[in-house]
Amino acid sequence: MERLRAENAQLKSKDKGGLTLKVSEKGGVSLYGMRRFPVTLYKEQWLRILERTMAPHPGECAGD
């Protein structure tokens, strides 16, 4: 029982703020550290996200 308590304490003490990426053999890129399970997206999905984040938002001025 003590071994399980020690293992549980070790798992709880791990750094939860770090984000990591892993590329699968099929080309999916998984982002670990955001949620309990990884977020896995493929190239087209990542490109759509990046396009939306780079596009100007309504109401924003280009000079600001």
C-alpha atoms as a PDB file:
ATOM      1  CA  MET A   1       0.000   0.000   0.000  1.00  0.00           C
ATOM      2  CA  GLU A   2       2.873   2.356   0.797  1.00  0.00           C
ATOM      3  CA  ARG A   3       4.348   1.783  -2.663  1.00  0.00           C
ATOM      4  CA  LEU A   4       1.058   2.871  -4.256  1.00  0.00           C
ATOM      5  CA  ARG A   5       0.930   5.998  -2.093  1.00  0.00           C
ATOM      6  CA  ALA A   6       4.464   6.908  -3.124  1.00  0.00           C
ATOM      7  CA  GLU A   7       3.676   6.315  -6.797  1.00  0.00           C
ATOM      8  CA  ASN A   8       0.502   8.401  -6.514  1.00  0.00           C
ATOM      9  CA  ALA A   9       2.413  11.259  -4.878  1.00  0.00           C
ATOM     10  CA  GLN A  10       5.041  11.137  -7.628  1.00  0.00           C
ATOM     11  CA  LEU A  11       2.402  11.309 -10.364  1.00  0.00           C
ATOM     12  CA  LYS A  12       0.654  14.243  -8.686  1.00  0.00           C
ATOM     13  CA  SER A  13       3.908  16.171  -8.320  1.00  0.00           C
ATOM     14  CA  LYS A  14       4.809  16.056 -12.030  1.00  0.00           C
ATOM     15  CA  ASP A  15       4.902  19.373 -13.891  1.00  0.00           C
ATOM     16  CA  LYS A  16       1.471  19.887 -15.368  1.00  0.00           C
ATOM     17  CA  GLY A  17       2.289  23.174 -17.110  1.00  0.00           C
ATOM     18  CA  GLY A  18       4.402  21.759 -19.914  1.00  0.00           C
ATOM     19  CA  LEU A  19       3.088  21.232 -23.412  1.00  0.00           C
ATOM     20  CA  THR A  20       4.554  18.629 -25.726  1.00  0.00           C
ATOM     21  CA  LEU A  21       3.943  17.635 -29.340  1.00  0.00           C
ATOM     22  CA  LYS A  22       4.196  14.170 -30.859  1.00  0.00           C
ATOM     23  CA  VAL A  23       3.921  13.273 -34.546  1.00  0.00           C
ATOM     24  CA  SER A  24       2.334   9.911 -35.367  1.00  0.00           C
ATOM     25  CA  GLU A  25       3.233   7.623 -38.249  1.00  0.00           C
ATOM     26  CA  LYS A  26      -0.037   8.593 -39.948  1.00  0.00           C
ATOM     27  CA  GLY A  27       0.842  12.286 -39.841  1.00  0.00           C
ATOM     28  CA  GLY A  28      -1.300  13.394 -36.928  1.00  0.00           C
ATOM     29  CA  VAL A  29       0.206  15.865 -34.492  1.00  0.00           C
ATOM     30  CA  SER A  30      -0.841  15.317 -30.890  1.00  0.00           C
ATOM     31  CA  LEU A  31      -0.652  18.119 -28.339  1.00  0.00           C
ATOM     32  CA  TYR A  32      -0.172  16.849 -24.797  1.00  0.00           C
ATOM     33  CA  GLY A  33      -0.657  18.887 -21.646  1.00  0.00           C
ATOM     34  CA  MET A  34      -3.787  20.856 -22.476  1.00  0.00           C
ATOM     35  CA  ARG A  35      -6.306  18.354 -21.147  1.00  0.00           C
ATOM     36  CA  ARG A  36      -6.445  14.906 -19.664  1.00  0.00           C
ATOM     37  CA  PHE A  37      -6.139  13.339 -23.118  1.00  0.00           C
ATOM     38  CA  PRO A  38      -4.062  14.649 -26.031  1.00  0.00           C
ATOM     39  CA  VAL A  39      -5.561  16.761 -28.798  1.00  0.00           C
ATOM     40  CA  THR A  40      -4.693  15.161 -32.139  1.00  0.00           C
ATOM     41  CA  LEU A  41      -5.130  17.021 -35.410  1.00  0.00           C
ATOM     42  CA  TYR A  42      -3.910  16.471 -38.953  1.00  0.00           C
ATOM     43  CA  LYS A  43      -2.147  18.956 -41.215  1.00  0.00           C
ATOM     44  CA  GLU A  44      -5.313  20.394 -42.762  1.00  0.00           C
ATOM     45  CA  GLN A  45      -6.857  20.928 -39.336  1.00  0.00           C
ATOM     46  CA  TRP A  46      -3.748  22.674 -37.960  1.00  0.00           C
ATOM     47  CA  LEU A  47      -3.651  24.901 -41.063  1.00  0.00           C
ATOM     48  CA  ARG A  48      -7.290  25.935 -40.540  1.00  0.00           C
ATOM     49  CA  ILE A  49      -6.541  26.868 -36.934  1.00  0.00           C
ATOM     50  CA  LEU A  50      -3.448  28.844 -37.896  1.00  0.00           C
ATOM     51  CA  GLU A  51      -5.311  30.677 -40.678  1.00  0.00           C
ATOM     52  CA  ARG A  52      -8.023  31.726 -38.222  1.00  0.00           C
ATOM     53  CA  THR A  53      -5.517  32.934 -35.642  1.00  0.00           C
ATOM     54  CA  MET A  54      -3.537  34.938 -38.223  1.00  0.00           C
ATOM     55  CA  ALA A  55      -6.579  36.530 -39.889  1.00  0.00           C
ATOM     56  CA  PRO A  56      -7.545  40.049 -38.763  1.00  0.00           C
ATOM     57  CA  HIS A  57     -10.498  40.106 -36.413  1.00  0.00           C
ATOM     58  CA  PRO A  58     -13.480  42.406 -37.057  1.00  0.00           C
ATOM     59  CA  GLY A  59     -13.154  45.657 -35.138  1.00  0.00           C
ATOM     60  CA  GLU A  60      -9.373  45.527 -34.804  1.00  0.00           C
ATOM     61  CA  CYS A  61      -7.250  48.206 -36.385  1.00  0.00           C
ATOM     62  CA  ALA A  62      -4.214  47.194 -38.379  1.00  0.00           C
ATOM     63  CA  GLY A  63      -2.156  50.065 -36.905  1.00  0.00           C
ATOM     64  CA  ASP A  64      -2.697  49.164 -33.264  1.00  0.00           C
END
